[in-house]
């Protein structure tokens, strides 16, 4: 692509032929090219116009400072209402773990009669979810595998759970969140199990408290700037981070067969360098994905877990593709859903088996 030159004030703006031909439409430039184009355009304007642009950017800075106050208030409100939510979360945990068996209730929401009376044909065991409920009876207490099923129902978690993880995730009995200034900590609570001695695994996220001094105009709310995991005290021979997952090689033959993949690597994120400019592309991508996942657990999984478990909410960015695929394969899903993890992922190995 031909470059665009700009001359200073009192001259024509850029290369006249290129501007008139319109062959440098900013929509076809990369982000950096667009930024350079617009910076150059502003610098080519008369001094009086450049001065007005400066004043407008100063107004924008004031706007961002007010916006920061807005997010401060939102965060304070979130912490305030979290105390009310915790009462409901406690009741949810008691029902899930079987500590409390609630009396039968009628739905308090308006039912869609057509959906309520519909019969669903299950053509494949998505993520081996049905297999994990094969031993459930009317006498089963609580709702076993609740959190693991809620995770598997989310597209962004589906590729993070491997065969070696499943028997451990069956022991996950609750996920909670705590707040500390401009930070939050996700807390994963486990029944006593044969894999590690921790009762709780934590992941803390730290938010930017104000505008970046060097890049103030990039502010778009309290972004996560750092995260910290925790030490998992694995029992001898039970560290899944040192075990090769069969599911890994089955899902993608192109991956290094010796590469260890596990949901529990979530608790050992890459270290964020003090100088952000020193971060390499791979680490930057890993941290961005990690931060997005942490926000998703905070904003979606913890408050709406039952809706993911029951299918009212679906985290699937490829819904359109999935619907088209289902229509074309209405006689049966041959995508191999049953083939993933053909070996049994392991039985319930928690101390409070039902």
Protein backbone atom coordinates (compact mmCIF):
# COMPACT_ATOMS: atom_id res chain seq x y z
CA UNK A 1 0.00 0.00 0.00
CA UNK A 2 1.35 3.42 -0.93
CA UNK A 3 2.17 5.69 1.99
CA UNK A 4 0.47 9.02 2.60
CA UNK A 5 2.61 12.10 3.13
CA UNK A 6 1.52 15.20 5.01
CA UNK A 7 2.88 18.71 4.76
CA UNK A 8 2.68 21.17 7.62
CA UNK A 9 0.23 24.06 7.94
CA UNK A 10 -0.36 26.45 5.06
CA UNK A 11 0.30 23.63 2.55
CA UNK A 12 -2.04 21.13 1.03
CA UNK A 13 -3.10 18.23 3.21
CA UNK A 14 -1.12 15.20 2.09
CA UNK A 15 -0.59 14.00 -1.45
CA UNK A 16 -3.31 15.65 -3.49
CA UNK A 17 -3.57 12.89 -6.07
CA UNK A 18 -3.93 10.19 -3.44
CA UNK A 19 -6.52 12.11 -1.44
CA UNK A 20 -8.62 12.91 -4.48
CA UNK A 21 -8.50 9.33 -5.74
CA UNK A 22 -9.57 8.06 -2.34
CA UNK A 23 -7.27 5.04 -2.47
CA UNK A 24 -6.15 5.45 1.14
CA UNK A 25 -9.49 4.89 2.83
CA UNK A 26 -8.69 4.55 6.59
CA UNK A 27 -11.10 1.61 6.80
CA UNK A 28 -8.59 -0.46 4.81
CA UNK A 29 -5.60 0.44 6.98
CA UNK A 30 -4.32 -1.49 9.96
CA UNK A 31 -4.80 0.00 13.41
CA UNK A 32 -1.25 1.38 13.50
CA UNK A 33 -1.50 2.74 9.95
CA UNK A 34 -4.80 4.39 10.80
CA UNK A 35 -3.28 5.94 13.93
CA UNK A 36 -0.31 7.30 12.00
CA UNK A 37 -2.62 8.57 9.26
CA UNK A 38 -4.80 10.51 11.71
CA UNK A 39 -1.86 11.83 13.75
CA UNK A 40 -0.32 13.07 10.54
CA UNK A 41 -3.61 14.56 9.41
CA UNK A 42 -3.99 16.55 12.65
CA UNK A 43 -0.40 17.82 12.46
CA UNK A 44 -1.03 19.01 8.93
CA UNK A 45 -3.91 21.25 10.02
CA UNK A 46 -3.52 25.03 10.63
CA UNK A 47 -2.27 25.95 14.10
CA UNK A 48 -5.66 27.35 15.13
CA UNK A 49 -7.35 24.00 14.41
CA UNK A 50 -4.61 22.06 16.16
CA UNK A 51 -5.12 24.25 19.24
CA UNK A 52 -8.83 23.43 19.26
CA UNK A 53 -8.03 19.73 18.97
CA UNK A 54 -5.80 20.08 22.05
CA UNK A 55 -8.62 21.76 24.00
CA UNK A 56 -11.03 18.98 23.00
CA UNK A 57 -8.55 16.33 24.13
CA UNK A 58 -8.22 18.15 27.46
CA UNK A 59 -12.01 17.98 27.77
CA UNK A 60 -11.79 14.28 26.97
CA UNK A 61 -9.28 13.85 29.78
CA UNK A 62 -11.73 15.49 32.19
CA UNK A 63 -14.40 13.13 30.88
CA UNK A 64 -12.15 10.12 31.55
CA UNK A 65 -11.50 11.29 35.12
CA UNK A 66 -15.25 11.53 35.71
CA UNK A 67 -15.64 8.12 34.07
CA UNK A 68 -13.07 6.79 36.52
CA UNK A 69 -15.22 8.12 39.40
CA UNK A 70 -18.20 6.34 37.82
CA UNK A 71 -16.36 3.01 37.79
CA UNK A 72 -15.22 3.58 41.39
CA UNK A 73 -18.87 3.94 42.41
CA UNK A 74 -19.85 0.86 40.38
CA UNK A 75 -17.13 -1.18 42.09
CA UNK A 76 -18.32 0.05 45.51
CA UNK A 77 -21.90 -0.92 44.61
CA UNK A 78 -20.73 -4.32 43.42
CA UNK A 79 -19.10 -4.98 46.78
CA UNK A 80 -22.19 -3.72 48.63
CA UNK A 81 -24.62 -5.96 46.77
CA UNK A 82 -22.23 -8.89 46.86
CA UNK A 83 -23.03 -9.20 50.58
CA UNK A 84 -26.68 -9.73 49.64
CA UNK A 85 -25.77 -12.21 46.93
CA UNK A 86 -23.67 -14.22 49.38
CA UNK A 87 -26.84 -15.20 51.27
CA UNK A 88 -28.21 -16.77 48.08
CA UNK A 89 -24.85 -18.36 47.22
CA UNK A 90 -24.80 -20.04 50.63
CA UNK A 91 -28.25 -21.53 50.00
CA UNK A 92 -27.12 -22.65 46.55
CA UNK A 93 -24.09 -24.43 47.98
CA UNK A 94 -26.16 -26.21 50.63
CA UNK A 95 -28.52 -27.54 47.94
CA UNK A 96 -25.74 -28.56 45.56
CA UNK A 97 -23.73 -30.39 48.22
CA UNK A 98 -26.79 -32.10 49.69
CA UNK A 99 -26.51 -30.37 53.05
CA UNK A 100 -30.06 -29.10 52.56
CA UNK A 101 -32.79 -30.86 50.59
CA UNK A 102 -35.31 -28.15 49.66
CA UNK A 103 -39.05 -28.87 49.50
CA UNK A 104 -40.51 -29.03 46.02
CA UNK A 105 -41.46 -25.64 44.56
CA UNK A 106 -43.39 -24.49 41.52
CA UNK A 107 -41.49 -22.27 39.08
CA UNK A 108 -41.77 -18.58 39.96
CA UNK A 109 -41.04 -17.52 36.38
CA UNK A 110 -43.41 -17.68 33.42
CA UNK A 111 -42.94 -21.02 31.71
CA UNK A 112 -42.79 -21.41 27.97
CA UNK A 113 -45.31 -24.23 27.64
CA UNK A 114 -44.00 -25.29 24.25
CA UNK A 115 -40.46 -25.69 25.58
CA UNK A 116 -41.67 -27.19 28.86
CA UNK A 117 -43.55 -29.95 27.03
CA UNK A 118 -40.87 -30.51 24.40
CA UNK A 119 -39.02 -33.81 24.22
CA UNK A 120 -35.33 -33.42 23.44
CA UNK A 121 -33.52 -36.05 21.44
CA UNK A 122 -30.01 -36.46 22.79
CA UNK A 123 -27.92 -37.68 19.87
CA UNK A 124 -24.51 -37.44 21.50
CA UNK A 125 -22.99 -37.14 24.95
CA UNK A 126 -21.57 -33.64 24.78
CA UNK A 127 -18.28 -33.61 26.70
CA UNK A 128 -19.21 -36.92 28.39
CA UNK A 129 -21.60 -35.00 30.64
CA UNK A 130 -24.23 -37.75 30.61
CA UNK A 131 -21.62 -40.31 31.57
CA UNK A 132 -20.89 -38.34 34.73
CA UNK A 133 -24.56 -38.68 35.76
CA UNK A 134 -25.04 -42.35 34.87
CA UNK A 135 -25.06 -43.48 38.53
CA UNK A 136 -27.46 -40.77 39.75
CA UNK A 137 -30.68 -42.04 41.36
CA UNK A 138 -33.63 -40.55 43.24
CA UNK A 139 -31.69 -41.18 46.43
CA UNK A 140 -28.67 -39.15 45.28
CA UNK A 141 -28.09 -36.13 47.50
CA UNK A 142 -27.58 -32.65 46.12
CA UNK A 143 -26.53 -32.17 42.50
CA UNK A 144 -23.27 -34.00 41.80
CA UNK A 145 -20.84 -32.63 39.21
CA UNK A 146 -22.68 -29.31 39.24
CA UNK A 147 -19.69 -27.02 38.70
CA UNK A 148 -17.91 -29.29 36.24
CA UNK A 149 -21.08 -29.50 34.14
CA UNK A 150 -21.53 -25.72 34.27
CA UNK A 151 -17.95 -25.32 33.05
CA UNK A 152 -18.38 -27.83 30.24
CA UNK A 153 -21.51 -26.00 29.07
CA UNK A 154 -19.33 -22.95 28.32
CA UNK A 155 -17.42 -22.90 25.07
CA UNK A 156 -14.47 -21.06 26.58
CA UNK A 157 -14.05 -23.75 29.27
CA UNK A 158 -14.67 -26.81 27.09
CA UNK A 159 -11.10 -26.89 25.74
CA UNK A 160 -9.58 -26.27 29.17
CA UNK A 161 -10.85 -29.42 30.88
CA UNK A 162 -8.94 -32.62 30.23
CA UNK A 163 -9.40 -36.23 31.21
CA UNK A 164 -7.03 -36.00 34.19
CA UNK A 165 -8.92 -32.96 35.52
CA UNK A 166 -12.39 -34.49 35.70
CA UNK A 167 -12.10 -36.62 38.85
CA UNK A 168 -10.73 -33.57 40.68
CA UNK A 169 -13.40 -31.18 39.38
CA UNK A 170 -16.03 -33.60 40.61
CA UNK A 171 -14.84 -32.63 44.09
CA UNK A 172 -15.37 -28.90 43.45
CA UNK A 173 -18.25 -27.91 45.74
CA UNK A 174 -18.35 -24.13 45.39
CA UNK A 175 -16.80 -21.08 43.75
CA UNK A 176 -16.87 -17.81 45.67
CA UNK A 177 -15.42 -14.35 45.26
CA UNK A 178 -13.93 -11.90 47.74
CA UNK A 179 -12.98 -8.25 47.27
CA UNK A 180 -10.04 -6.21 48.52
CA UNK A 181 -9.70 -2.58 47.45
CA UNK A 182 -9.34 -2.61 43.64
CA UNK A 183 -8.92 -6.37 43.40
CA UNK A 184 -10.95 -9.55 43.57
CA UNK A 185 -10.10 -13.15 44.38
CA UNK A 186 -11.81 -16.21 42.95
CA UNK A 187 -11.98 -19.05 45.48
CA UNK A 188 -12.48 -22.65 44.37
CA UNK A 189 -13.62 -24.84 47.27
CA UNK A 190 -12.95 -28.59 47.17
CA UNK A 191 -14.05 -31.59 49.18
CA UNK A 192 -11.25 -33.61 50.72
CA UNK A 193 -9.71 -35.59 47.89
CA UNK A 194 -6.79 -37.81 46.97
CA UNK A 195 -5.10 -35.23 44.73
CA UNK A 196 -4.10 -32.25 46.89
CA UNK A 197 -4.40 -31.07 50.47
CA UNK A 198 -5.73 -27.55 49.76
CA UNK A 199 -9.32 -26.95 50.77
CA UNK A 200 -9.41 -23.79 48.65
CA UNK A 201 -7.51 -22.80 45.49
CA UNK A 202 -7.37 -19.08 44.76
CA UNK A 203 -6.76 -16.77 41.82
CA UNK A 204 -6.43 -13.04 42.49
CA UNK A 205 -6.89 -10.26 39.94
CA UNK A 206 -5.70 -6.70 40.42
CA UNK A 207 -7.42 -3.82 38.63
CA UNK A 208 -5.98 -0.55 37.39
CA UNK A 209 -7.02 2.12 39.90
CA UNK A 210 -6.71 5.13 37.62
CA UNK A 211 -5.67 6.39 34.23
CA UNK A 212 -2.34 5.30 32.82
CA UNK A 213 -0.03 8.31 33.09
CA UNK A 214 1.72 7.45 29.83
CA UNK A 215 -1.41 6.49 27.87
CA UNK A 216 -4.41 8.15 29.58
CA UNK A 217 -6.66 8.00 26.52
CA UNK A 218 -6.58 4.20 26.50
CA UNK A 219 -8.70 4.11 29.69
CA UNK A 220 -11.84 2.02 29.27
CA UNK A 221 -12.67 1.08 32.82
CA UNK A 222 -10.65 -0.72 35.51
CA UNK A 223 -8.72 -3.22 33.38
CA UNK A 224 -7.00 -6.17 35.01
CA UNK A 225 -3.30 -5.38 35.19
CA UNK A 226 -2.01 -8.40 37.10
CA UNK A 227 -3.11 -11.80 38.36
CA UNK A 228 -1.67 -14.21 40.90
CA UNK A 229 -2.40 -17.89 41.38
CA UNK A 230 -1.66 -20.09 44.36
CA UNK A 231 0.51 -23.06 45.27
CA UNK A 232 -1.27 -26.37 44.90
CA UNK A 233 -0.04 -28.88 47.47
CA UNK A 234 -0.21 -32.02 45.36
CA UNK A 235 -0.08 -35.42 46.99
CA UNK A 236 2.62 -37.82 45.83
CA UNK A 237 2.07 -38.95 42.25
CA UNK A 238 -1.16 -36.95 41.87
CA UNK A 239 0.07 -33.77 40.20
CA UNK A 240 -1.95 -33.61 36.95
CA UNK A 241 0.31 -30.80 35.73
CA UNK A 242 2.99 -33.46 35.34
CA UNK A 243 0.72 -35.97 33.60
CA UNK A 244 0.21 -36.21 29.86
CA UNK A 245 -3.50 -36.03 29.03
CA UNK A 246 -4.78 -38.59 26.52
CA UNK A 247 -7.42 -36.09 25.48
CA UNK A 248 -4.74 -33.63 24.38
CA UNK A 249 -3.23 -35.90 21.73
CA UNK A 250 -6.64 -37.13 20.59
CA UNK A 251 -8.02 -33.63 20.07
CA UNK A 252 -5.08 -32.20 18.17
CA UNK A 253 -2.39 -34.37 16.64
CA UNK A 254 -0.39 -31.26 15.76
CA UNK A 255 0.31 -30.49 19.41
CA UNK A 256 3.46 -31.59 21.12
CA UNK A 257 2.59 -34.99 22.58
CA UNK A 258 4.67 -34.23 25.67
CA UNK A 259 2.93 -30.95 26.38
CA UNK A 260 1.02 -31.02 29.68
CA UNK A 261 -2.40 -29.39 29.55
CA UNK A 262 -4.76 -29.14 32.48
CA UNK A 263 -7.47 -26.91 33.88
CA UNK A 264 -5.28 -26.51 36.95
CA UNK A 265 -2.66 -24.56 35.01
CA UNK A 266 -5.19 -21.74 35.55
CA UNK A 267 -3.66 -21.36 39.01
CA UNK A 268 -0.13 -20.82 37.67
CA UNK A 269 -0.48 -17.89 35.23
CA UNK A 270 2.50 -16.27 33.49
CA UNK A 271 4.23 -13.55 35.49
CA UNK A 272 3.53 -10.01 34.31
CA UNK A 273 6.82 -8.10 33.88
CA UNK A 274 7.08 -4.76 35.67
CA UNK A 275 7.88 -3.10 32.38
CA UNK A 276 4.90 -3.97 30.17
CA UNK A 277 6.97 -3.20 27.06
CA UNK A 278 9.15 -6.23 27.84
CA UNK A 279 6.26 -8.68 27.50
CA UNK A 280 6.49 -11.05 24.53
CA UNK A 281 3.54 -11.74 22.22
CA UNK A 282 2.88 -15.27 23.50
CA UNK A 283 2.79 -14.18 27.15
CA UNK A 284 0.65 -11.19 26.23
CA UNK A 285 -1.91 -13.48 24.56
CA UNK A 286 -1.89 -15.92 27.48
CA UNK A 287 -2.45 -13.13 30.01
CA UNK A 288 -5.21 -11.55 27.93
CA UNK A 289 -7.03 -14.89 27.72
CA UNK A 290 -6.50 -15.48 31.44
CA UNK A 291 -7.86 -12.05 32.37
CA UNK A 292 -10.89 -12.57 30.15
CA UNK A 293 -11.54 -15.94 31.78
CA UNK A 294 -11.26 -14.46 35.26
CA UNK A 295 -13.77 -11.74 34.40
CA UNK A 296 -16.11 -14.34 32.91
CA UNK A 297 -16.05 -16.42 36.09
CA UNK A 298 -16.67 -13.30 38.16
CA UNK A 299 -19.46 -11.86 36.01
CA UNK A 300 -21.14 -14.98 34.62
CA UNK A 301 -20.24 -18.31 36.19
CA UNK A 302 -20.52 -17.40 39.87
CA UNK A 303 -23.78 -15.42 39.65
CA UNK A 304 -25.47 -17.53 36.91
CA UNK A 305 -24.08 -21.05 37.28
CA UNK A 306 -27.49 -22.77 37.36
CA UNK A 307 -28.45 -21.14 34.06
CA UNK A 308 -25.39 -22.62 32.36
CA UNK A 309 -26.03 -25.97 34.01
CA UNK A 310 -29.63 -26.09 32.76
CA UNK A 311 -29.02 -24.55 29.34
CA UNK A 312 -30.82 -21.22 29.77
CA UNK A 313 -27.52 -19.49 29.06
CA UNK A 314 -25.15 -20.71 26.39
CA UNK A 315 -21.64 -19.34 26.04
CA UNK A 316 -21.05 -20.14 22.38
CA UNK A 317 -19.63 -17.64 19.90
CA UNK A 318 -20.31 -20.06 17.07
CA UNK A 319 -24.08 -20.45 17.60
CA UNK A 320 -24.86 -19.63 13.97
CA UNK A 321 -22.43 -22.24 12.68
CA UNK A 322 -23.70 -24.80 15.20
CA UNK A 323 -27.33 -24.30 14.13
CA UNK A 324 -26.45 -24.65 10.46
CA UNK A 325 -24.40 -27.76 11.15
CA UNK A 326 -27.24 -29.31 13.18
CA UNK A 327 -29.72 -28.75 10.36
CA UNK A 328 -27.40 -30.36 7.82
CA UNK A 329 -26.80 -33.36 10.09
CA UNK A 330 -30.29 -33.87 11.48
CA UNK A 331 -30.00 -37.65 11.12
CA UNK A 332 -27.23 -37.81 13.68
CA UNK A 333 -24.28 -35.92 15.04
CA UNK A 334 -21.13 -37.56 13.77
CA UNK A 335 -18.78 -34.89 15.07
CA UNK A 336 -17.18 -37.35 17.47
CA UNK A 337 -18.65 -36.06 20.70
CA UNK A 338 -18.79 -39.57 22.10
CA UNK A 339 -15.21 -40.25 21.14
CA UNK A 340 -13.57 -37.67 23.34
CA UNK A 341 -12.13 -39.26 26.43
CA UNK A 342 -13.41 -42.76 25.61
CA UNK A 343 -11.69 -44.06 28.71
CA UNK A 344 -13.67 -43.39 31.85
CA UNK A 345 -12.42 -40.14 33.29
CA UNK A 346 -12.33 -41.55 36.76
CA UNK A 347 -14.94 -42.16 39.42
CA UNK A 348 -15.94 -39.89 42.26
CA UNK A 349 -12.94 -39.77 44.55
CA UNK A 350 -14.05 -37.24 47.13
CA UNK A 351 -14.47 -38.03 50.77
CA UNK A 352 -18.20 -37.23 50.74
CA UNK A 353 -19.27 -39.47 47.88
CA UNK A 354 -23.03 -39.80 47.56
